[in-house]
Amino acid sequence: MTAIDANLFLAVAAIVFVIGAVGLLTRRNALVMFMCVELMLNAVNLTFVTFSRELDDIGGQVTVFFTMVVAAAEVCVGLAIIVAIFRRRRGATADDLNLMKG
């Protein structure tokens, strides 16, 4: 069985991060923007795990665990905001966030 080089993992992480960044900057739908942020977080997690494996250190994997906890909290808050926008209007775009003002 052959081991996969770390450069391949880093290249995949870079590609996923760029896809997420381009999607975040070009899309107006709040749900799609939310998914693009999650893509970017997963790319960073892949980078942390790759360096953790290469350096034979558990610190990167611990960081990924805490990043996933923060991402789960972000999902809860973000989806609550998106649902609140969908209740007022049928679509949720980035321009609709000013509806949340009191």
C-alpha atoms as a PDB file:
ATOM      1  CA  MET A   1       0.000   0.000   0.000  1.00  0.00           C
ATOM      2  CA  THR A   2       1.428   3.366  -0.955  1.00  0.00           C
ATOM      3  CA  ALA A   3       1.268   6.433   1.241  1.00  0.00           C
ATOM      4  CA  ILE A   4      -0.250   9.570  -0.209  1.00  0.00           C
ATOM      5  CA  ASP A   5       2.072  12.554  -0.204  1.00  0.00           C
ATOM      6  CA  ALA A   6       1.182  15.526   2.002  1.00  0.00           C
ATOM      7  CA  ASN A   7       1.446  17.855  -0.980  1.00  0.00           C
ATOM      8  CA  LEU A   8      -1.600  16.179  -2.515  1.00  0.00           C
ATOM      9  CA  PHE A   9      -3.656  16.808   0.624  1.00  0.00           C
ATOM     10  CA  LEU A  10      -2.526  20.429   0.716  1.00  0.00           C
ATOM     11  CA  ALA A  11      -3.383  20.866  -2.969  1.00  0.00           C
ATOM     12  CA  VAL A  12      -6.875  19.452  -2.404  1.00  0.00           C
ATOM     13  CA  ALA A  13      -7.325  21.722   0.618  1.00  0.00           C
ATOM     14  CA  ALA A  14      -6.220  24.748  -1.428  1.00  0.00           C
ATOM     15  CA  ILE A  15      -8.629  23.875  -4.242  1.00  0.00           C
ATOM     16  CA  VAL A  16     -11.548  23.412  -1.830  1.00  0.00           C
ATOM     17  CA  PHE A  17     -10.699  26.688  -0.077  1.00  0.00           C
ATOM     18  CA  VAL A  18     -10.578  28.580  -3.388  1.00  0.00           C
ATOM     19  CA  ILE A  19     -13.915  27.074  -4.458  1.00  0.00           C
ATOM     20  CA  GLY A  20     -15.430  28.209  -1.162  1.00  0.00           C
ATOM     21  CA  ALA A  21     -13.922  31.701  -1.406  1.00  0.00           C
ATOM     22  CA  VAL A  22     -15.075  32.204  -4.999  1.00  0.00           C
ATOM     23  CA  GLY A  23     -18.547  30.954  -4.123  1.00  0.00           C
ATOM     24  CA  LEU A  24     -18.719  33.269  -1.119  1.00  0.00           C
ATOM     25  CA  LEU A  25     -17.706  36.296  -3.166  1.00  0.00           C
ATOM     26  CA  THR A  26     -19.913  35.622  -6.195  1.00  0.00           C
ATOM     27  CA  ARG A  27     -23.165  34.232  -4.812  1.00  0.00           C
ATOM     28  CA  ARG A  28     -25.945  36.314  -3.269  1.00  0.00           C
ATOM     29  CA  ASN A  29     -28.047  33.511  -1.751  1.00  0.00           C
ATOM     30  CA  ALA A  30     -27.493  33.336   2.007  1.00  0.00           C
ATOM     31  CA  LEU A  31     -27.715  29.544   2.121  1.00  0.00           C
ATOM     32  CA  VAL A  32     -25.116  29.099  -0.627  1.00  0.00           C
ATOM     33  CA  MET A  33     -22.836  31.633   1.062  1.00  0.00           C
ATOM     34  CA  PHE A  34     -23.238  29.689   4.288  1.00  0.00           C
ATOM     35  CA  MET A  35     -22.220  26.442   2.569  1.00  0.00           C
ATOM     36  CA  CYS A  36     -19.186  28.168   1.034  1.00  0.00           C
ATOM     37  CA  VAL A  37     -18.003  29.247   4.490  1.00  0.00           C
ATOM     38  CA  GLU A  38     -18.333  25.640   5.626  1.00  0.00           C
ATOM     39  CA  LEU A  39     -16.257  24.524   2.623  1.00  0.00           C
ATOM     40  CA  MET A  40     -13.548  26.959   3.614  1.00  0.00           C
ATOM     41  CA  LEU A  41     -13.576  25.699   7.208  1.00  0.00           C
ATOM     42  CA  ASN A  42     -13.271  22.102   6.020  1.00  0.00           C
ATOM     43  CA  ALA A  43     -10.316  23.030   3.820  1.00  0.00           C
ATOM     44  CA  VAL A  44      -8.559  24.555   6.812  1.00  0.00           C
ATOM     45  CA  ASN A  45      -9.359  21.438   8.856  1.00  0.00           C
ATOM     46  CA  LEU A  46      -7.786  19.257   6.162  1.00  0.00           C
ATOM     47  CA  THR A  47      -4.677  21.424   6.283  1.00  0.00           C
ATOM     48  CA  PHE A  48      -4.470  21.121  10.076  1.00  0.00           C
ATOM     49  CA  VAL A  49      -4.811  17.331   9.926  1.00  0.00           C
ATOM     50  CA  THR A  50      -2.187  17.099   7.167  1.00  0.00           C
ATOM     51  CA  PHE A  51       0.360  19.087   9.134  1.00  0.00           C
ATOM     52  CA  SER A  52      -0.517  17.152  12.271  1.00  0.00           C
ATOM     53  CA  ARG A  53       0.217  13.909  10.452  1.00  0.00           C
ATOM     54  CA  GLU A  54       3.433  15.169   8.903  1.00  0.00           C
ATOM     55  CA  LEU A  55       4.780  16.625  12.154  1.00  0.00           C
ATOM     56  CA  ASP A  56       3.590  13.618  14.190  1.00  0.00           C
ATOM     57  CA  ASP A  57       1.835  15.944  16.612  1.00  0.00           C
ATOM     58  CA  ILE A  58      -1.673  15.679  18.025  1.00  0.00           C
ATOM     59  CA  GLY A  59      -2.098  19.466  18.316  1.00  0.00           C
ATOM     60  CA  GLY A  60      -3.467  19.875  14.801  1.00  0.00           C
ATOM     61  CA  GLN A  61      -6.136  17.257  15.384  1.00  0.00           C
ATOM     62  CA  VAL A  62      -7.153  18.896  18.653  1.00  0.00           C
ATOM     63  CA  THR A  63      -7.440  22.207  16.812  1.00  0.00           C
ATOM     64  CA  VAL A  64      -9.661  20.542  14.213  1.00  0.00           C
ATOM     65  CA  PHE A  65     -11.903  19.254  16.984  1.00  0.00           C
ATOM     66  CA  PHE A  66     -12.372  22.755  18.396  1.00  0.00           C
ATOM     67  CA  THR A  67     -12.869  24.187  14.896  1.00  0.00           C
ATOM     68  CA  MET A  68     -15.634  21.655  14.279  1.00  0.00           C
ATOM     69  CA  VAL A  69     -17.306  22.631  17.569  1.00  0.00           C
ATOM     70  CA  VAL A  70     -17.234  26.303  16.557  1.00  0.00           C
ATOM     71  CA  ALA A  71     -18.549  25.374  13.088  1.00  0.00           C
ATOM     72  CA  ALA A  72     -21.448  23.476  14.680  1.00  0.00           C
ATOM     73  CA  ALA A  73     -22.337  26.526  16.775  1.00  0.00           C
ATOM     74  CA  GLU A  74     -22.066  28.675  13.646  1.00  0.00           C
ATOM     75  CA  VAL A  75     -24.482  26.357  11.848  1.00  0.00           C
ATOM     76  CA  CYS A  76     -27.043  26.736  14.629  1.00  0.00           C
ATOM     77  CA  VAL A  77     -26.879  30.526  14.691  1.00  0.00           C
ATOM     78  CA  GLY A  78     -26.563  30.922  10.925  1.00  0.00           C
ATOM     79  CA  LEU A  79     -29.491  28.675  10.110  1.00  0.00           C
ATOM     80  CA  ALA A  80     -31.628  30.456  12.703  1.00  0.00           C
ATOM     81  CA  ILE A  81     -30.912  33.774  10.982  1.00  0.00           C
ATOM     82  CA  ILE A  82     -31.619  32.322   7.544  1.00  0.00           C
ATOM     83  CA  VAL A  83     -34.916  30.796   8.748  1.00  0.00           C
ATOM     84  CA  ALA A  84     -35.908  34.159  10.246  1.00  0.00           C
ATOM     85  CA  ILE A  85     -35.264  35.818   6.884  1.00  0.00           C
ATOM     86  CA  PHE A  86     -37.194  33.110   5.011  1.00  0.00           C
ATOM     87  CA  ARG A  87     -40.192  33.665   7.293  1.00  0.00           C
ATOM     88  CA  ARG A  88     -40.386  37.330   6.305  1.00  0.00           C
ATOM     89  CA  ARG A  89     -39.637  36.854   2.616  1.00  0.00           C
ATOM     90  CA  ARG A  90     -39.578  33.943   0.191  1.00  0.00           C
ATOM     91  CA  GLY A  91     -35.915  34.349  -0.750  1.00  0.00           C
ATOM     92  CA  ALA A  92     -32.873  34.982   1.357  1.00  0.00           C
ATOM     93  CA  THR A  93     -30.161  37.050  -0.268  1.00  0.00           C
ATOM     94  CA  ALA A  94     -27.279  38.924   1.286  1.00  0.00           C
ATOM     95  CA  ASP A  95     -29.202  42.180   0.769  1.00  0.00           C
ATOM     96  CA  ASP A  96     -32.037  40.939   2.981  1.00  0.00           C
ATOM     97  CA  LEU A  97     -29.936  40.979   6.137  1.00  0.00           C
ATOM     98  CA  ASN A  98     -30.947  44.573   6.834  1.00  0.00           C
ATOM     99  CA  LEU A  99     -34.462  43.221   7.519  1.00  0.00           C
ATOM    100  CA  MET A 100     -33.139  41.865  10.803  1.00  0.00           C
ATOM    101  CA  LYS A 101     -32.807  45.390  12.246  1.00  0.00           C
ATOM    102  CA  GLY A 102     -35.302  46.157  14.996  1.00  0.00           C
END
